[in-house]
Amino acid sequence: MSPTLDFIALRRKSVRTVQIKTTTNDVPQWPENHKLYQVLALVRLRGEGTELFLDQTEIFLIPRSALEALPRRWEGLERFRMSEAHVAAVFT
């Protein structure tokens, strides 16, 4: 099976490959080993019925190297919540 890639992210002169997982409920399974990525972006959507509340969407940027030791629970992912400082750290 060949590697797959979802997204390429650029910040100044730094490049990161990103695997994107979107959910409305539980933390999804971590990507399979053959996937080509450096950062996992977990997108937690909020909404009701067919309505999506984009202003309540949460995004977590998790370096692949951190996944093995992480529990798959939202509470354990708080330090990876997307912020300006965290994005800078991911691209360092």
N, C-alpha and C. Protein backbone atom coordinates (compact mmCIF):
# COMPACT_ATOMS: atom_id res chain seq x y z
N MET A 1 0.85 -1.18 0.00
CA MET A 1 0.00 0.00 0.00
C MET A 1 0.89 1.24 0.00
N SER A 2 0.60 2.20 -0.86
CA SER A 2 1.41 3.41 -0.89
C SER A 2 0.95 4.41 0.15
N PRO A 3 1.90 5.23 0.63
CA PRO A 3 1.55 6.24 1.63
C PRO A 3 0.54 7.23 1.08
N THR A 4 -0.32 7.74 1.95
CA THR A 4 -1.28 8.76 1.55
C THR A 4 -1.02 10.02 2.36
N LEU A 5 -1.43 11.14 1.82
CA LEU A 5 -1.20 12.43 2.44
C LEU A 5 -2.45 13.27 2.29
N ASP A 6 -2.87 13.94 3.39
CA ASP A 6 -4.05 14.79 3.34
C ASP A 6 -3.73 16.23 2.97
N PHE A 7 -2.66 16.77 3.55
CA PHE A 7 -2.48 18.21 3.52
C PHE A 7 -1.01 18.56 3.72
N ILE A 8 -0.58 19.64 3.10
CA ILE A 8 0.76 20.18 3.34
C ILE A 8 0.57 21.57 3.93
N ALA A 9 1.19 21.83 5.07
CA ALA A 9 1.09 23.13 5.74
C ALA A 9 2.42 23.86 5.64
N LEU A 10 2.35 25.15 5.35
CA LEU A 10 3.54 25.99 5.24
C LEU A 10 3.47 27.12 6.25
N ARG A 11 4.60 27.41 6.87
CA ARG A 11 4.72 28.58 7.75
C ARG A 11 6.12 29.12 7.55
N ARG A 12 6.19 30.29 6.97
CA ARG A 12 7.46 30.88 6.57
C ARG A 12 8.21 29.88 5.69
N LYS A 13 9.39 29.42 6.12
CA LYS A 13 10.16 28.47 5.31
C LYS A 13 10.01 27.03 5.79
N SER A 14 9.11 26.79 6.74
CA SER A 14 8.90 25.44 7.27
C SER A 14 7.71 24.77 6.61
N VAL A 15 7.84 23.47 6.37
CA VAL A 15 6.79 22.67 5.74
C VAL A 15 6.48 21.49 6.66
N ARG A 16 5.19 21.19 6.84
CA ARG A 16 4.77 20.02 7.60
C ARG A 16 3.69 19.28 6.81
N THR A 17 3.76 17.96 6.86
CA THR A 17 2.70 17.15 6.27
C THR A 17 1.68 16.87 7.36
N VAL A 18 0.40 16.97 7.01
CA VAL A 18 -0.67 16.91 8.00
C VAL A 18 -1.70 15.86 7.61
N GLN A 19 -2.06 15.02 8.56
CA GLN A 19 -3.17 14.06 8.42
C GLN A 19 -4.35 14.68 9.16
N ILE A 20 -5.50 14.77 8.52
CA ILE A 20 -6.66 15.41 9.12
C ILE A 20 -7.71 14.37 9.47
N LYS A 21 -8.20 14.44 10.71
CA LYS A 21 -9.29 13.58 11.18
C LYS A 21 -10.37 14.50 11.73
N THR A 22 -11.59 14.32 11.27
CA THR A 22 -12.71 15.15 11.69
C THR A 22 -13.74 14.29 12.39
N THR A 23 -14.33 14.82 13.48
CA THR A 23 -15.30 14.07 14.25
C THR A 23 -16.30 15.02 14.91
N THR A 24 -17.43 14.47 15.29
CA THR A 24 -18.40 15.22 16.09
C THR A 24 -18.53 14.61 17.48
N ASN A 25 -17.87 13.48 17.71
CA ASN A 25 -18.02 12.76 18.98
C ASN A 25 -16.68 12.44 19.62
N ASP A 26 -16.41 11.15 19.71
CA ASP A 26 -15.20 10.66 20.37
C ASP A 26 -13.95 10.96 19.56
N VAL A 27 -12.82 10.89 20.24
CA VAL A 27 -11.53 11.04 19.55
C VAL A 27 -11.40 9.88 18.57
N PRO A 28 -11.11 10.16 17.30
CA PRO A 28 -11.00 9.06 16.33
C PRO A 28 -9.73 8.24 16.54
N GLN A 29 -9.67 7.10 15.89
CA GLN A 29 -8.48 6.26 15.91
C GLN A 29 -7.30 7.06 15.36
N TRP A 30 -6.11 6.79 15.88
CA TRP A 30 -4.93 7.42 15.31
C TRP A 30 -4.74 6.87 13.89
N PRO A 31 -4.11 7.64 13.01
CA PRO A 31 -3.90 7.18 11.63
C PRO A 31 -3.06 5.91 11.56
N GLU A 32 -3.25 5.18 10.51
CA GLU A 32 -2.48 3.95 10.29
C GLU A 32 -1.01 4.30 10.05
N ASN A 33 -0.13 3.36 10.35
CA ASN A 33 1.32 3.60 10.25
C ASN A 33 1.79 3.96 8.85
N HIS A 34 1.11 3.47 7.82
CA HIS A 34 1.58 3.74 6.46
C HIS A 34 1.25 5.16 5.99
N LYS A 35 0.46 5.88 6.75
CA LYS A 35 0.10 7.25 6.38
C LYS A 35 1.34 8.15 6.50
N LEU A 36 1.48 9.06 5.57
CA LEU A 36 2.61 9.97 5.53
C LEU A 36 2.19 11.30 6.14
N TYR A 37 2.67 11.59 7.36
CA TYR A 37 2.33 12.86 8.01
C TYR A 37 3.29 13.13 9.15
N GLN A 38 3.43 14.40 9.50
CA GLN A 38 4.23 14.81 10.64
C GLN A 38 3.35 15.30 11.78
N VAL A 39 2.16 15.82 11.42
CA VAL A 39 1.24 16.39 12.40
C VAL A 39 -0.15 15.83 12.14
N LEU A 40 -0.82 15.42 13.22
CA LEU A 40 -2.22 15.01 13.14
C LEU A 40 -3.07 16.20 13.53
N ALA A 41 -3.99 16.60 12.68
CA ALA A 41 -4.94 17.67 12.99
C ALA A 41 -6.28 17.01 13.30
N LEU A 42 -6.68 17.10 14.56
CA LEU A 42 -8.00 16.60 14.96
C LEU A 42 -8.95 17.77 14.97
N VAL A 43 -10.02 17.66 14.21
CA VAL A 43 -11.01 18.72 14.10
C VAL A 43 -12.30 18.21 14.74
N ARG A 44 -12.70 18.86 15.82
CA ARG A 44 -13.91 18.47 16.55
C ARG A 44 -15.02 19.47 16.20
N LEU A 45 -15.96 18.99 15.39
CA LEU A 45 -17.05 19.84 14.93
C LEU A 45 -18.18 19.86 15.94
N ARG A 46 -18.84 21.00 16.04
CA ARG A 46 -20.02 21.16 16.91
C ARG A 46 -21.19 21.58 16.04
N GLY A 47 -22.37 21.12 16.42
CA GLY A 47 -23.55 21.49 15.68
C GLY A 47 -24.79 20.84 16.24
N GLU A 48 -25.88 21.05 15.55
CA GLU A 48 -27.15 20.48 15.96
C GLU A 48 -27.94 20.16 14.70
N GLY A 49 -28.38 18.93 14.59
CA GLY A 49 -29.11 18.52 13.38
C GLY A 49 -28.20 18.67 12.17
N THR A 50 -28.65 19.43 11.20
CA THR A 50 -27.83 19.66 10.00
C THR A 50 -27.07 20.98 10.06
N GLU A 51 -27.16 21.67 11.21
CA GLU A 51 -26.49 22.97 11.36
C GLU A 51 -25.11 22.78 12.01
N LEU A 52 -24.11 23.41 11.43
CA LEU A 52 -22.73 23.33 11.91
C LEU A 52 -22.35 24.66 12.53
N PHE A 53 -21.81 24.63 13.76
CA PHE A 53 -21.41 25.85 14.47
C PHE A 53 -19.89 26.00 14.33
N LEU A 54 -19.45 26.66 13.27
CA LEU A 54 -18.02 26.76 13.00
C LEU A 54 -17.28 27.52 14.10
N ASP A 55 -17.93 28.47 14.74
CA ASP A 55 -17.26 29.24 15.81
C ASP A 55 -17.01 28.39 17.06
N GLN A 56 -17.58 27.20 17.12
CA GLN A 56 -17.36 26.31 18.25
C GLN A 56 -16.45 25.13 17.89
N THR A 57 -15.96 25.12 16.66
CA THR A 57 -15.08 24.05 16.22
C THR A 57 -13.75 24.12 16.97
N GLU A 58 -13.25 22.97 17.38
CA GLU A 58 -11.96 22.88 18.07
C GLU A 58 -10.97 22.16 17.16
N ILE A 59 -9.75 22.65 17.13
CA ILE A 59 -8.70 22.02 16.32
C ILE A 59 -7.51 21.74 17.23
N PHE A 60 -7.00 20.52 17.15
CA PHE A 60 -5.86 20.09 17.93
C PHE A 60 -4.77 19.66 16.96
N LEU A 61 -3.56 20.19 17.12
CA LEU A 61 -2.43 19.85 16.27
C LEU A 61 -1.45 19.01 17.09
N ILE A 62 -1.34 17.73 16.72
CA ILE A 62 -0.56 16.79 17.52
C ILE A 62 0.60 16.25 16.68
N PRO A 63 1.83 16.50 17.11
CA PRO A 63 2.97 15.92 16.39
C PRO A 63 2.88 14.39 16.41
N ARG A 64 3.21 13.78 15.30
CA ARG A 64 3.14 12.33 15.20
C ARG A 64 3.95 11.66 16.31
N SER A 65 5.08 12.25 16.65
CA SER A 65 5.95 11.66 17.67
C SER A 65 5.29 11.61 19.05
N ALA A 66 4.25 12.40 19.28
CA ALA A 66 3.58 12.43 20.58
C ALA A 66 2.43 11.43 20.68
N LEU A 67 1.99 10.86 19.57
CA LEU A 67 0.78 10.03 19.56
C LEU A 67 0.91 8.76 20.39
N GLU A 68 2.04 8.11 20.34
CA GLU A 68 2.18 6.80 20.99
C GLU A 68 1.88 6.87 22.49
N ALA A 69 2.29 7.95 23.14
CA ALA A 69 2.12 8.07 24.59
C ALA A 69 0.80 8.76 24.98
N LEU A 70 0.02 9.17 24.01
CA LEU A 70 -1.21 9.92 24.31
C LEU A 70 -2.43 9.03 24.48
N PRO A 71 -3.23 9.29 25.51
CA PRO A 71 -4.51 8.59 25.60
C PRO A 71 -5.48 9.20 24.59
N ARG A 72 -6.39 8.43 24.07
CA ARG A 72 -7.36 8.95 23.10
C ARG A 72 -8.58 9.49 23.85
N ARG A 73 -8.37 10.58 24.59
CA ARG A 73 -9.44 11.26 25.32
C ARG A 73 -9.26 12.76 25.10
N TRP A 74 -10.36 13.47 24.94
CA TRP A 74 -10.29 14.91 24.69
C TRP A 74 -9.53 15.63 25.80
N GLU A 75 -9.73 15.22 27.07
CA GLU A 75 -9.07 15.89 28.18
C GLU A 75 -7.54 15.83 28.05
N GLY A 76 -7.04 14.74 27.51
CA GLY A 76 -5.60 14.57 27.37
C GLY A 76 -4.99 15.34 26.21
N LEU A 77 -5.83 15.98 25.40
CA LEU A 77 -5.33 16.67 24.21
C LEU A 77 -5.27 18.19 24.36
N GLU A 78 -5.69 18.71 25.50
CA GLU A 78 -5.78 20.16 25.69
C GLU A 78 -4.49 20.91 25.33
N ARG A 79 -3.35 20.35 25.67
CA ARG A 79 -2.09 21.06 25.40
C ARG A 79 -1.79 21.18 23.90
N PHE A 80 -2.54 20.45 23.07
CA PHE A 80 -2.35 20.49 21.63
C PHE A 80 -3.39 21.36 20.92
N ARG A 81 -4.25 22.02 21.69
CA ARG A 81 -5.29 22.89 21.10
C ARG A 81 -4.60 23.97 20.26
N MET A 82 -5.15 24.23 19.08
CA MET A 82 -4.55 25.19 18.17
C MET A 82 -4.59 26.60 18.76
N SER A 83 -3.43 27.23 18.79
CA SER A 83 -3.27 28.62 19.20
C SER A 83 -2.06 29.15 18.43
N GLU A 84 -1.88 30.43 18.46
CA GLU A 84 -0.73 31.01 17.75
C GLU A 84 0.59 30.44 18.29
N ALA A 85 0.69 30.34 19.61
CA ALA A 85 1.92 29.82 20.22
C ALA A 85 2.14 28.35 19.87
N HIS A 86 1.05 27.56 19.86
CA HIS A 86 1.21 26.14 19.56
C HIS A 86 1.58 25.92 18.08
N VAL A 87 0.98 26.69 17.20
CA VAL A 87 1.34 26.59 15.77
C VAL A 87 2.83 26.90 15.60
N ALA A 88 3.31 27.95 16.27
CA ALA A 88 4.73 28.29 16.20
C ALA A 88 5.60 27.14 16.69
N ALA A 89 5.18 26.48 17.77
CA ALA A 89 5.94 25.35 18.31
C ALA A 89 5.95 24.17 17.34
N VAL A 90 4.83 23.91 16.70
CA VAL A 90 4.74 22.79 15.74
C VAL A 90 5.67 23.01 14.55
N PHE A 91 5.89 24.26 14.19
CA PHE A 91 6.73 24.56 13.03
C PHE A 91 8.18 24.88 13.41
N THR A 92 8.55 24.63 14.66
CA THR A 92 9.93 24.91 15.09
C THR A 92 10.80 23.69 14.86
